[in-house]
Amino acid sequence: MSLLSERDRQTVQSHLAALTHDVTLLFFTQTIGAPETVTIARQVVDEVASLSDRITVEEVNLILDRERSAQFGIDRIPGIVLLRDGADTRMRFLGAPAGYEFSSLVESILLAGTDDSGLTDESKQLIAEKATGPLDVKVFVTPTCPHCPRAVTLAHRMAVESPNISATCVEASEFHDLSRQYRVTGVPKTVSSSGAEILGALPEEEFVRGVLAGQSDSGLMP
């Protein structure tokens, strides 16, 4: 049974027609002991992939392929990594991209399959100046939060813009340990390895500055 109505399928398909690069969705799962959300996530990625010849899904077993899981920094399931023409875009999803986060997945596929991050020139310049060292960004979300996709997409745009930035959308209600670790009491909550924390969905300039706030001019944490 399709997750999308015929009208929604046509809408998403028309958006995906803009893809100019091949996009691979690495879908991390496991055979035994997988949570129910893995099935939901698999339905989502399969349905999206069916809407464009440029999208393929490649399954990776978290347990049996530890080397590849470690390569992409995935340590739990379901996990999704987006590749552009086989190269890592540094965009990730942990948890099923359902509800409002379905739109985040579609936006990320468009980012992976096209040539521009879509950020303003000011944001691009700031990232070039500040993100000179590795920066890991996590955006905690829930499927029922209408404001979460904005934060996820901005974080993913930053990852596409800079090879030093990786950005992961984390489904807070699926991974309670991560939610406790990062003191998530509301969503969207964005945290970065620089020590920055942002609660809520901010305009682009404020979001980019906030994520990079802990970065020194050398790109390293002070």
N, C-alpha and C. Protein backbone atom coordinates (compact mmCIF):
# COMPACT_ATOMS: atom_id res chain seq x y z
N MET A 1 0.84 -1.20 0.00
CA MET A 1 0.00 0.00 0.00
C MET A 1 0.88 1.25 0.00
N SER A 2 0.56 2.20 -0.84
CA SER A 2 1.35 3.41 -0.95
C SER A 2 1.19 4.28 0.30
N LEU A 3 2.29 4.89 0.74
CA LEU A 3 2.24 5.81 1.86
C LEU A 3 1.70 7.17 1.45
N LEU A 4 1.82 7.48 0.16
CA LEU A 4 1.42 8.78 -0.37
C LEU A 4 0.15 8.65 -1.21
N SER A 5 -0.65 9.70 -1.19
CA SER A 5 -1.78 9.74 -2.10
C SER A 5 -1.25 9.95 -3.52
N GLU A 6 -2.08 9.69 -4.50
CA GLU A 6 -1.64 9.86 -5.88
C GLU A 6 -1.25 11.31 -6.15
N ARG A 7 -1.98 12.23 -5.58
CA ARG A 7 -1.65 13.65 -5.75
C ARG A 7 -0.29 13.98 -5.16
N ASP A 8 -0.03 13.46 -3.95
CA ASP A 8 1.26 13.72 -3.30
C ASP A 8 2.40 13.06 -4.07
N ARG A 9 2.15 11.87 -4.59
CA ARG A 9 3.17 11.20 -5.39
C ARG A 9 3.55 12.05 -6.60
N GLN A 10 2.55 12.60 -7.26
CA GLN A 10 2.81 13.43 -8.44
C GLN A 10 3.57 14.70 -8.05
N THR A 11 3.24 15.27 -6.90
CA THR A 11 3.93 16.48 -6.44
C THR A 11 5.39 16.19 -6.15
N VAL A 12 5.65 15.11 -5.40
CA VAL A 12 7.03 14.75 -5.08
C VAL A 12 7.81 14.39 -6.35
N GLN A 13 7.16 13.67 -7.22
CA GLN A 13 7.81 13.28 -8.48
C GLN A 13 8.21 14.49 -9.30
N SER A 14 7.36 15.51 -9.32
CA SER A 14 7.68 16.72 -10.07
C SER A 14 8.87 17.44 -9.46
N HIS A 15 8.98 17.44 -8.14
CA HIS A 15 10.14 18.04 -7.48
C HIS A 15 11.41 17.26 -7.80
N LEU A 16 11.32 15.95 -7.77
CA LEU A 16 12.50 15.11 -8.00
C LEU A 16 12.97 15.15 -9.46
N ALA A 17 12.14 15.67 -10.34
CA ALA A 17 12.55 15.81 -11.74
C ALA A 17 13.72 16.77 -11.88
N ALA A 18 13.99 17.56 -10.83
CA ALA A 18 15.09 18.52 -10.87
C ALA A 18 16.45 17.87 -10.62
N LEU A 19 16.48 16.61 -10.25
CA LEU A 19 17.74 15.94 -9.94
C LEU A 19 18.64 15.87 -11.19
N THR A 20 19.90 16.25 -11.01
CA THR A 20 20.88 16.17 -12.09
C THR A 20 22.02 15.21 -11.77
N HIS A 21 22.00 14.64 -10.56
CA HIS A 21 23.00 13.66 -10.14
C HIS A 21 22.29 12.42 -9.62
N ASP A 22 22.97 11.29 -9.67
CA ASP A 22 22.42 10.07 -9.09
C ASP A 22 22.54 10.13 -7.57
N VAL A 23 21.47 9.75 -6.87
CA VAL A 23 21.43 9.77 -5.42
C VAL A 23 21.25 8.35 -4.91
N THR A 24 22.13 7.93 -4.02
CA THR A 24 22.01 6.62 -3.38
C THR A 24 21.64 6.82 -1.93
N LEU A 25 20.59 6.13 -1.50
CA LEU A 25 20.20 6.14 -0.10
C LEU A 25 20.76 4.86 0.54
N LEU A 26 21.82 5.01 1.32
CA LEU A 26 22.33 3.86 2.07
C LEU A 26 21.40 3.64 3.25
N PHE A 27 20.74 2.50 3.26
CA PHE A 27 19.76 2.22 4.31
C PHE A 27 20.34 1.21 5.28
N PHE A 28 20.62 1.65 6.51
CA PHE A 28 21.25 0.80 7.52
C PHE A 28 20.18 0.10 8.34
N THR A 29 20.29 -1.22 8.39
CA THR A 29 19.32 -2.05 9.07
C THR A 29 20.03 -3.26 9.66
N GLN A 30 19.26 -4.22 10.18
CA GLN A 30 19.82 -5.50 10.60
C GLN A 30 18.73 -6.55 10.51
N THR A 31 19.15 -7.81 10.42
CA THR A 31 18.19 -8.88 10.17
C THR A 31 17.42 -9.28 11.41
N ILE A 32 18.10 -9.34 12.54
CA ILE A 32 17.50 -9.82 13.78
C ILE A 32 17.41 -8.68 14.79
N GLY A 33 16.26 -8.57 15.45
CA GLY A 33 16.10 -7.59 16.51
C GLY A 33 15.90 -6.17 16.06
N ALA A 34 15.49 -5.99 14.82
CA ALA A 34 15.28 -4.63 14.31
C ALA A 34 13.98 -4.06 14.86
N PRO A 35 13.97 -2.79 15.27
CA PRO A 35 12.73 -2.18 15.76
C PRO A 35 11.72 -1.99 14.63
N GLU A 36 10.48 -1.77 15.01
CA GLU A 36 9.41 -1.60 14.02
C GLU A 36 9.66 -0.41 13.11
N THR A 37 10.36 0.59 13.61
CA THR A 37 10.60 1.79 12.81
C THR A 37 11.47 1.51 11.58
N VAL A 38 12.21 0.41 11.62
CA VAL A 38 13.01 0.04 10.45
C VAL A 38 12.10 -0.27 9.27
N THR A 39 10.99 -0.97 9.54
CA THR A 39 10.03 -1.28 8.48
C THR A 39 9.42 -0.01 7.91
N ILE A 40 9.08 0.92 8.79
CA ILE A 40 8.50 2.19 8.34
C ILE A 40 9.50 2.96 7.48
N ALA A 41 10.75 3.04 7.97
CA ALA A 41 11.78 3.77 7.22
C ALA A 41 12.02 3.14 5.86
N ARG A 42 12.00 1.80 5.81
CA ARG A 42 12.23 1.11 4.55
C ARG A 42 11.10 1.43 3.56
N GLN A 43 9.87 1.47 4.03
CA GLN A 43 8.75 1.83 3.17
C GLN A 43 8.92 3.24 2.60
N VAL A 44 9.38 4.15 3.45
CA VAL A 44 9.55 5.54 3.03
C VAL A 44 10.62 5.65 1.94
N VAL A 45 11.80 5.07 2.17
CA VAL A 45 12.87 5.21 1.18
C VAL A 45 12.53 4.49 -0.11
N ASP A 46 11.87 3.34 -0.01
CA ASP A 46 11.49 2.62 -1.23
C ASP A 46 10.48 3.42 -2.04
N GLU A 47 9.52 4.04 -1.35
CA GLU A 47 8.51 4.80 -2.09
C GLU A 47 9.12 6.03 -2.77
N VAL A 48 10.00 6.72 -2.06
CA VAL A 48 10.65 7.88 -2.67
C VAL A 48 11.49 7.44 -3.87
N ALA A 49 12.23 6.36 -3.71
CA ALA A 49 13.09 5.88 -4.80
C ALA A 49 12.28 5.50 -6.03
N SER A 50 11.05 5.07 -5.82
CA SER A 50 10.21 4.65 -6.95
C SER A 50 9.76 5.84 -7.80
N LEU A 51 9.99 7.04 -7.31
CA LEU A 51 9.51 8.24 -8.00
C LEU A 51 10.56 8.88 -8.89
N SER A 52 11.78 8.32 -8.90
CA SER A 52 12.83 8.87 -9.77
C SER A 52 13.83 7.79 -10.14
N ASP A 53 14.19 7.75 -11.41
CA ASP A 53 15.19 6.79 -11.87
C ASP A 53 16.58 7.13 -11.34
N ARG A 54 16.75 8.34 -10.83
CA ARG A 54 18.06 8.75 -10.33
C ARG A 54 18.30 8.35 -8.87
N ILE A 55 17.28 7.78 -8.22
CA ILE A 55 17.41 7.41 -6.81
C ILE A 55 17.45 5.89 -6.68
N THR A 56 18.43 5.40 -5.94
CA THR A 56 18.51 3.97 -5.64
C THR A 56 18.68 3.79 -4.13
N VAL A 57 18.24 2.65 -3.65
CA VAL A 57 18.37 2.29 -2.24
C VAL A 57 19.34 1.12 -2.13
N GLU A 58 20.32 1.26 -1.27
CA GLU A 58 21.29 0.19 -1.03
C GLU A 58 21.25 -0.18 0.44
N GLU A 59 20.94 -1.42 0.73
CA GLU A 59 20.82 -1.86 2.12
C GLU A 59 22.19 -2.22 2.70
N VAL A 60 22.43 -1.75 3.92
CA VAL A 60 23.67 -2.06 4.63
C VAL A 60 23.31 -2.65 5.98
N ASN A 61 23.84 -3.84 6.29
CA ASN A 61 23.56 -4.48 7.57
C ASN A 61 24.50 -3.93 8.63
N LEU A 62 23.92 -3.29 9.64
CA LEU A 62 24.71 -2.63 10.67
C LEU A 62 25.65 -3.60 11.38
N ILE A 63 25.19 -4.82 11.58
CA ILE A 63 25.97 -5.80 12.34
C ILE A 63 26.99 -6.50 11.45
N LEU A 64 26.56 -6.92 10.26
CA LEU A 64 27.44 -7.71 9.40
C LEU A 64 28.45 -6.87 8.63
N ASP A 65 28.13 -5.61 8.42
CA ASP A 65 29.04 -4.72 7.68
C ASP A 65 29.51 -3.60 8.60
N ARG A 66 30.23 -3.99 9.65
CA ARG A 66 30.67 -3.02 10.65
C ARG A 66 31.63 -1.99 10.05
N GLU A 67 32.43 -2.42 9.09
CA GLU A 67 33.41 -1.51 8.50
C GLU A 67 32.69 -0.35 7.79
N ARG A 68 31.65 -0.68 7.04
CA ARG A 68 30.94 0.37 6.32
C ARG A 68 30.13 1.23 7.27
N SER A 69 29.57 0.61 8.30
CA SER A 69 28.82 1.38 9.30
C SER A 69 29.74 2.39 9.97
N ALA A 70 30.95 1.94 10.29
CA ALA A 70 31.92 2.84 10.93
C ALA A 70 32.37 3.93 9.96
N GLN A 71 32.50 3.58 8.70
CA GLN A 71 32.93 4.56 7.69
C GLN A 71 32.00 5.76 7.65
N PHE A 72 30.70 5.50 7.79
CA PHE A 72 29.72 6.59 7.71
C PHE A 72 29.22 7.03 9.08
N GLY A 73 29.81 6.50 10.14
CA GLY A 73 29.46 6.94 11.48
C GLY A 73 28.07 6.54 11.93
N ILE A 74 27.55 5.43 11.42
CA ILE A 74 26.22 4.97 11.80
C ILE A 74 26.36 3.85 12.84
N ASP A 75 25.73 4.06 14.00
CA ASP A 75 25.85 3.05 15.06
C ASP A 75 24.50 2.58 15.58
N ARG A 76 23.42 2.96 14.89
CA ARG A 76 22.09 2.50 15.30
C ARG A 76 21.16 2.53 14.08
N ILE A 77 20.02 1.86 14.22
CA ILE A 77 19.09 1.75 13.09
C ILE A 77 17.70 2.21 13.50
N PRO A 78 16.89 2.62 12.50
CA PRO A 78 17.25 2.78 11.09
C PRO A 78 18.12 4.01 10.86
N GLY A 79 19.04 3.88 9.92
CA GLY A 79 19.89 5.00 9.56
C GLY A 79 19.92 5.17 8.06
N ILE A 80 20.02 6.41 7.60
CA ILE A 80 20.06 6.70 6.17
C ILE A 80 21.21 7.66 5.90
N VAL A 81 22.03 7.33 4.93
CA VAL A 81 23.12 8.19 4.47
C VAL A 81 22.89 8.49 3.00
N LEU A 82 23.05 9.74 2.60
CA LEU A 82 22.82 10.13 1.21
C LEU A 82 24.14 10.30 0.48
N LEU A 83 24.24 9.67 -0.68
CA LEU A 83 25.41 9.79 -1.54
C LEU A 83 25.04 10.51 -2.83
N ARG A 84 25.94 11.32 -3.33
CA ARG A 84 25.77 11.97 -4.64
C ARG A 84 26.80 11.37 -5.60
N ASP A 85 26.32 10.69 -6.61
CA ASP A 85 27.22 10.02 -7.57
C ASP A 85 28.26 9.18 -6.83
N GLY A 86 27.83 8.54 -5.75
CA GLY A 86 28.70 7.65 -4.98
C GLY A 86 29.52 8.32 -3.90
N ALA A 87 29.49 9.66 -3.83
CA ALA A 87 30.28 10.39 -2.83
C ALA A 87 29.40 10.80 -1.66
N ASP A 88 29.96 10.78 -0.47
CA ASP A 88 29.22 11.11 0.74
C ASP A 88 28.85 12.59 0.76
N THR A 89 27.58 12.88 1.00
CA THR A 89 27.13 14.28 1.13
C THR A 89 27.18 14.76 2.57
N ARG A 90 27.45 13.84 3.50
CA ARG A 90 27.52 14.13 4.93
C ARG A 90 26.15 14.46 5.53
N MET A 91 25.08 14.10 4.83
CA MET A 91 23.72 14.22 5.34
C MET A 91 23.25 12.86 5.82
N ARG A 92 22.68 12.83 7.02
CA ARG A 92 22.22 11.58 7.61
C ARG A 92 20.86 11.73 8.27
N PHE A 93 20.18 10.59 8.40
CA PHE A 93 18.96 10.49 9.19
C PHE A 93 19.10 9.30 10.13
N LEU A 94 18.75 9.52 11.40
CA LEU A 94 18.63 8.42 12.35
C LEU A 94 17.18 8.36 12.78
N GLY A 95 16.53 7.23 12.48
CA GLY A 95 15.11 7.11 12.75
C GLY A 95 14.31 7.19 11.45
N ALA A 96 13.07 6.82 11.53
CA ALA A 96 12.21 6.82 10.34
C ALA A 96 11.83 8.25 9.96
N PRO A 97 12.11 8.67 8.72
CA PRO A 97 11.74 10.02 8.28
C PRO A 97 10.26 10.07 7.91
N ALA A 98 9.42 9.97 8.94
CA ALA A 98 7.98 9.92 8.73
C ALA A 98 7.34 11.23 9.18
N GLY A 99 6.04 11.36 8.96
CA GLY A 99 5.36 12.59 9.34
C GLY A 99 5.96 13.78 8.62
N TYR A 100 6.16 14.86 9.37
CA TYR A 100 6.71 16.07 8.77
C TYR A 100 8.14 15.84 8.25
N GLU A 101 8.84 14.85 8.79
CA GLU A 101 10.22 14.62 8.36
C GLU A 101 10.33 13.97 6.99
N PHE A 102 9.20 13.53 6.44
CA PHE A 102 9.23 13.04 5.06
C PHE A 102 9.69 14.17 4.13
N SER A 103 9.20 15.38 4.39
CA SER A 103 9.60 16.51 3.55
C SER A 103 11.08 16.81 3.71
N SER A 104 11.63 16.57 4.90
CA SER A 104 13.07 16.76 5.12
C SER A 104 13.87 15.80 4.25
N LEU A 105 13.40 14.56 4.16
CA LEU A 105 14.09 13.58 3.32
C LEU A 105 14.07 13.99 1.87
N VAL A 106 12.91 14.44 1.38
CA VAL A 106 12.80 14.87 -0.02
C VAL A 106 13.73 16.05 -0.28
N GLU A 107 13.75 17.02 0.63
CA GLU A 107 14.64 18.17 0.47
C GLU A 107 16.10 17.75 0.45
N SER A 108 16.45 16.80 1.29
CA SER A 108 17.84 16.33 1.34
C SER A 108 18.23 15.59 0.07
N ILE A 109 17.30 14.84 -0.49
CA ILE A 109 17.56 14.17 -1.76
C ILE A 109 17.79 15.20 -2.86
N LEU A 110 16.99 16.27 -2.84
CA LEU A 110 17.18 17.35 -3.82
C LEU A 110 18.54 18.02 -3.64
N LEU A 111 18.96 18.20 -2.39
CA LEU A 111 20.28 18.77 -2.13
C LEU A 111 21.38 17.84 -2.63
N ALA A 112 21.20 16.54 -2.42
CA ALA A 112 22.20 15.57 -2.86
C ALA A 112 22.25 15.47 -4.38
N GLY A 113 21.12 15.70 -5.02
CA GLY A 113 21.03 15.48 -6.46
C GLY A 113 21.19 16.71 -7.32
N THR A 114 21.50 17.84 -6.68
CA THR A 114 21.72 19.08 -7.43
C THR A 114 23.05 19.68 -7.01
N ASP A 115 23.37 20.87 -7.52
CA ASP A 115 24.73 21.39 -7.38
C ASP A 115 24.89 22.58 -6.45
N ASP A 116 23.85 22.97 -5.74
CA ASP A 116 23.98 24.15 -4.90
C ASP A 116 23.31 23.92 -3.56
N SER A 117 23.94 24.43 -2.50
CA SER A 117 23.38 24.25 -1.16
C SER A 117 22.11 25.06 -0.95
N GLY A 118 21.93 26.11 -1.75
CA GLY A 118 20.76 26.95 -1.60
C GLY A 118 20.88 27.99 -0.50
N LEU A 119 22.05 28.07 0.15
CA LEU A 119 22.27 29.08 1.17
C LEU A 119 22.57 30.43 0.54
N THR A 120 22.39 31.48 1.30
CA THR A 120 22.72 32.81 0.80
C THR A 120 24.23 32.97 0.70
N ASP A 121 24.66 33.96 -0.05
CA ASP A 121 26.09 34.22 -0.18
C ASP A 121 26.71 34.55 1.18
N GLU A 122 25.96 35.25 2.03
CA GLU A 122 26.46 35.60 3.36
C GLU A 122 26.71 34.36 4.20
N SER A 123 25.77 33.42 4.13
CA SER A 123 25.92 32.17 4.89
C SER A 123 27.10 31.36 4.36
N LYS A 124 27.23 31.30 3.04
CA LYS A 124 28.34 30.56 2.44
C LYS A 124 29.69 31.15 2.86
N GLN A 125 29.77 32.46 2.90
CA GLN A 125 31.02 33.12 3.29
C GLN A 125 31.35 32.83 4.75
N LEU A 126 30.35 32.89 5.61
CA LEU A 126 30.55 32.62 7.02
C LEU A 126 31.02 31.18 7.25
N ILE A 127 30.41 30.25 6.54
CA ILE A 127 30.81 28.85 6.66
C ILE A 127 32.24 28.66 6.19
N ALA A 128 32.60 29.29 5.08
CA ALA A 128 33.96 29.18 4.57
C ALA A 128 34.98 29.72 5.56
N GLU A 129 34.61 30.78 6.27
CA GLU A 129 35.52 31.40 7.24
C GLU A 129 35.63 30.60 8.52
N LYS A 130 34.51 30.06 8.99
CA LYS A 130 34.48 29.44 10.32
C LYS A 130 34.63 27.92 10.32
N ALA A 131 34.07 27.26 9.31
CA ALA A 131 34.06 25.79 9.32
C ALA A 131 35.32 25.23 8.67
N THR A 132 36.45 25.53 9.27
CA THR A 132 37.72 25.06 8.73
C THR A 132 38.22 23.79 9.42
N GLY A 133 37.45 23.29 10.36
CA GLY A 133 37.74 22.02 11.01
C GLY A 133 36.48 21.20 11.11
N PRO A 134 36.57 19.92 11.47
CA PRO A 134 35.39 19.04 11.53
C PRO A 134 34.32 19.58 12.47
N LEU A 135 33.09 19.56 12.01
CA LEU A 135 31.96 20.02 12.81
C LEU A 135 30.79 19.07 12.60
N ASP A 136 30.33 18.47 13.68
CA ASP A 136 29.21 17.53 13.62
C ASP A 136 27.97 18.20 14.19
N VAL A 137 26.90 18.19 13.41
CA VAL A 137 25.64 18.85 13.80
C VAL A 137 24.54 17.81 13.90
N LYS A 138 23.78 17.85 15.00
CA LYS A 138 22.63 16.97 15.17
C LYS A 138 21.40 17.83 15.38
N VAL A 139 20.32 17.49 14.66
CA VAL A 139 19.04 18.17 14.82
C VAL A 139 18.03 17.15 15.33
N PHE A 140 17.55 17.35 16.56
CA PHE A 140 16.57 16.44 17.14
C PHE A 140 15.17 16.88 16.75
N VAL A 141 14.36 15.92 16.32
CA VAL A 141 13.04 16.20 15.77
C VAL A 141 12.04 15.17 16.26
N THR A 142 10.76 15.43 15.98
CA THR A 142 9.72 14.42 16.11
C THR A 142 8.85 14.50 14.85
N PRO A 143 8.19 13.41 14.48
CA PRO A 143 7.40 13.41 13.24
C PRO A 143 6.22 14.37 13.26
N THR A 144 5.79 14.81 14.46
CA THR A 144 4.61 15.67 14.55
C THR A 144 4.97 17.15 14.66
N CYS A 145 6.25 17.48 14.55
CA CYS A 145 6.69 18.87 14.70
C CYS A 145 6.75 19.56 13.33
N PRO A 146 5.88 20.54 13.09
CA PRO A 146 5.88 21.20 11.78
C PRO A 146 7.05 22.14 11.55
N HIS A 147 7.75 22.51 12.63
CA HIS A 147 8.87 23.45 12.50
C HIS A 147 10.22 22.73 12.33
N CYS A 148 10.24 21.44 12.60
CA CYS A 148 11.50 20.69 12.56
C CYS A 148 12.14 20.62 11.18
N PRO A 149 11.37 20.40 10.11
CA PRO A 149 12.01 20.29 8.79
C PRO A 149 12.87 21.50 8.41
N ARG A 150 12.49 22.68 8.86
CA ARG A 150 13.28 23.88 8.54
C ARG A 150 14.69 23.76 9.12
N ALA A 151 14.77 23.35 10.38
CA ALA A 151 16.08 23.21 11.03
C ALA A 151 16.90 22.10 10.37
N VAL A 152 16.24 21.00 10.06
CA VAL A 152 16.94 19.88 9.42
C VAL A 152 17.50 20.30 8.07
N THR A 153 16.68 20.95 7.26
CA THR A 153 17.13 21.34 5.93
C THR A 153 18.27 22.35 5.99
N LEU A 154 18.22 23.30 6.92
CA LEU A 154 19.32 24.26 7.04
C LEU A 154 20.61 23.56 7.45
N ALA A 155 20.52 22.61 8.39
CA ALA A 155 21.71 21.86 8.79
C ALA A 155 22.27 21.05 7.63
N HIS A 156 21.39 20.43 6.86
CA HIS A 156 21.83 19.66 5.70
C HIS A 156 22.41 20.55 4.62
N ARG A 157 21.85 21.75 4.46
CA ARG A 157 22.44 22.70 3.50
C ARG A 157 23.87 23.06 3.91
N MET A 158 24.09 23.21 5.20
CA MET A 158 25.44 23.51 5.68
C MET A 158 26.39 22.36 5.39
N ALA A 159 25.90 21.12 5.53
CA ALA A 159 26.74 19.96 5.25
C ALA A 159 27.12 19.88 3.78
N VAL A 160 26.16 20.19 2.91
CA VAL A 160 26.43 20.19 1.48
C VAL A 160 27.41 21.30 1.11
N GLU A 161 27.33 22.42 1.81
CA GLU A 161 28.18 23.57 1.51
C GLU A 161 29.63 23.35 1.91
N SER A 162 29.86 22.62 3.00
CA SER A 162 31.23 22.46 3.50
C SER A 162 31.60 21.00 3.70
N PRO A 163 32.75 20.57 3.20
CA PRO A 163 33.19 19.19 3.41
C PRO A 163 33.57 18.92 4.86
N ASN A 164 33.64 19.96 5.69
CA ASN A 164 33.99 19.79 7.09
C ASN A 164 32.78 19.58 7.99
N ILE A 165 31.58 19.77 7.44
CA ILE A 165 30.36 19.69 8.25
C ILE A 165 29.58 18.43 7.91
N SER A 166 29.17 17.71 8.95
CA SER A 166 28.22 16.61 8.79
C SER A 166 26.99 16.95 9.61
N ALA A 167 25.82 16.56 9.12
CA ALA A 167 24.57 16.92 9.79
C ALA A 167 23.63 15.73 9.82
N THR A 168 23.10 15.44 11.00
CA THR A 168 22.23 14.29 11.19
C THR A 168 20.90 14.71 11.78
N CYS A 169 19.83 14.26 11.16
CA CYS A 169 18.48 14.42 11.70
C CYS A 169 18.23 13.23 12.63
N VAL A 170 17.95 13.50 13.90
CA VAL A 170 17.75 12.43 14.88
C VAL A 170 16.31 12.45 15.38
N GLU A 171 15.62 11.33 15.23
CA GLU A 171 14.24 11.23 15.70
C GLU A 171 14.28 11.03 17.22
N ALA A 172 13.95 12.09 17.95
CA ALA A 172 14.16 12.11 19.40
C ALA A 172 13.41 11.01 20.14
N SER A 173 12.19 10.72 19.72
CA SER A 173 11.39 9.73 20.44
C SER A 173 11.83 8.29 20.16
N GLU A 174 12.65 8.09 19.15
CA GLU A 174 13.18 6.75 18.86
C GLU A 174 14.47 6.46 19.62
N PHE A 175 15.23 7.50 19.91
CA PHE A 175 16.54 7.31 20.54
C PHE A 175 16.60 8.11 21.83
N HIS A 176 16.00 7.52 22.87
CA HIS A 176 15.90 8.22 24.15
C HIS A 176 17.27 8.44 24.78
N ASP A 177 18.21 7.55 24.51
CA ASP A 177 19.54 7.73 25.10
C ASP A 177 20.21 8.99 24.56
N LEU A 178 20.08 9.23 23.25
CA LEU A 178 20.65 10.44 22.67
C LEU A 178 19.91 11.69 23.16
N SER A 179 18.60 11.57 23.29
CA SER A 179 17.81 12.71 23.77
C SER A 179 18.22 13.08 25.19
N ARG A 180 18.48 12.07 26.02
CA ARG A 180 18.94 12.36 27.39
C ARG A 180 20.35 12.95 27.36
N GLN A 181 21.21 12.36 26.53
CA GLN A 181 22.60 12.82 26.47
C GLN A 181 22.69 14.29 26.09
N TYR A 182 21.84 14.72 25.15
CA TYR A 182 21.89 16.10 24.67
C TYR A 182 20.81 16.98 25.29
N ARG A 183 20.16 16.47 26.37
CA ARG A 183 19.20 17.24 27.16
C ARG A 183 18.11 17.85 26.26
N VAL A 184 17.49 16.99 25.49
CA VAL A 184 16.44 17.43 24.58
C VAL A 184 15.11 17.48 25.33
N THR A 185 14.60 18.69 25.54
CA THR A 185 13.32 18.87 26.20
C THR A 185 12.27 19.45 25.27
N GLY A 186 12.70 19.85 24.07
CA GLY A 186 11.79 20.36 23.06
C GLY A 186 12.45 20.24 21.70
N VAL A 187 11.65 20.28 20.66
CA VAL A 187 12.18 20.15 19.30
C VAL A 187 11.65 21.28 18.42
N PRO A 188 12.37 21.64 17.37
CA PRO A 188 13.69 21.11 17.04
C PRO A 188 14.77 21.63 17.99
N LYS A 189 15.71 20.75 18.34
CA LYS A 189 16.89 21.17 19.09
C LYS A 189 18.12 20.79 18.28
N THR A 190 18.95 21.78 18.02
CA THR A 190 20.16 21.58 17.23
C THR A 190 21.37 21.71 18.13
N VAL A 191 22.25 20.73 18.07
CA VAL A 191 23.49 20.78 18.85
C VAL A 191 24.65 20.51 17.90
N SER A 192 25.78 21.11 18.18
CA SER A 192 26.96 20.87 17.34
C SER A 192 28.15 20.54 18.20
N SER A 193 29.14 19.92 17.61
CA SER A 193 30.34 19.51 18.34
C SER A 193 31.16 20.70 18.80
N SER A 194 30.80 21.90 18.34
CA SER A 194 31.47 23.11 18.81
C SER A 194 30.95 23.55 20.17
N GLY A 195 29.87 22.91 20.61
CA GLY A 195 29.26 23.28 21.87
C GLY A 195 28.02 24.13 21.73
N ALA A 196 27.67 24.50 20.50
CA ALA A 196 26.50 25.34 20.27
C ALA A 196 25.21 24.54 20.46
N GLU A 197 24.17 25.20 20.98
CA GLU A 197 22.85 24.61 21.13
C GLU A 197 21.81 25.63 20.68
N ILE A 198 20.87 25.17 19.87
CA ILE A 198 19.81 26.04 19.37
C ILE A 198 18.48 25.34 19.59
N LEU A 199 17.55 26.03 20.23
CA LEU A 199 16.21 25.48 20.42
C LEU A 199 15.24 26.26 19.55
N GLY A 200 14.54 25.54 18.69
CA GLY A 200 13.58 26.18 17.80
C GLY A 200 14.09 26.29 16.38
N ALA A 201 13.20 26.74 15.50
CA ALA A 201 13.55 26.92 14.09
C ALA A 201 13.82 28.40 13.85
N LEU A 202 15.06 28.73 13.52
CA LEU A 202 15.48 30.11 13.33
C LEU A 202 15.60 30.46 11.85
N PRO A 203 15.58 31.76 11.52
CA PRO A 203 15.90 32.16 10.15
C PRO A 203 17.32 31.72 9.79
N GLU A 204 17.59 31.59 8.50
CA GLU A 204 18.86 31.03 8.04
C GLU A 204 20.08 31.70 8.68
N GLU A 205 20.17 33.02 8.61
CA GLU A 205 21.37 33.70 9.11
C GLU A 205 21.61 33.41 10.59
N GLU A 206 20.55 33.47 11.38
CA GLU A 206 20.68 33.21 12.81
C GLU A 206 21.07 31.75 13.07
N PHE A 207 20.49 30.85 12.30
CA PHE A 207 20.78 29.43 12.48
C PHE A 207 22.24 29.14 12.16
N VAL A 208 22.72 29.61 11.02
CA VAL A 208 24.11 29.36 10.62
C VAL A 208 25.07 29.95 11.62
N ARG A 209 24.82 31.18 12.05
CA ARG A 209 25.68 31.82 13.04
C ARG A 209 25.64 31.06 14.37
N GLY A 210 24.46 30.59 14.73
CA GLY A 210 24.32 29.86 15.97
C GLY A 210 25.08 28.54 15.97
N VAL A 211 24.97 27.80 14.87
CA VAL A 211 25.68 26.52 14.76
C VAL A 211 27.19 26.73 14.81
N LEU A 212 27.65 27.81 14.19
CA LEU A 212 29.09 28.08 14.12
C LEU A 212 29.62 28.88 15.31
N ALA A 213 28.74 29.20 16.26
CA ALA A 213 29.11 30.11 17.34
C ALA A 213 30.29 29.61 18.17
N GLY A 214 30.42 28.31 18.31
CA GLY A 214 31.50 27.78 19.14
C GLY A 214 32.80 27.59 18.40
N GLN A 215 32.81 27.90 17.09
CA GLN A 215 34.01 27.72 16.29
C GLN A 215 34.93 28.92 16.44
N SER A 216 36.20 28.67 16.66
CA SER A 216 37.19 29.74 16.66
C SER A 216 37.58 30.03 15.23
N ASP A 217 38.38 31.06 15.00
CA ASP A 217 38.81 31.40 13.65
C ASP A 217 39.61 30.28 13.02
N SER A 218 40.20 29.42 13.81
CA SER A 218 40.98 28.30 13.26
C SER A 218 40.09 27.13 12.91
N GLY A 219 38.78 27.25 13.28
CA GLY A 219 37.86 26.17 12.98
C GLY A 219 37.84 25.11 14.07
N LEU A 220 38.58 25.36 15.18
CA LEU A 220 38.64 24.40 16.26
C LEU A 220 37.89 24.96 17.47
N MET A 221 37.48 24.10 18.33
CA MET A 221 36.80 24.55 19.53
C MET A 221 37.78 25.33 20.38
N PRO A 222 37.34 26.42 21.02
CA PRO A 222 38.24 27.18 21.88
C PRO A 222 38.63 26.40 23.12
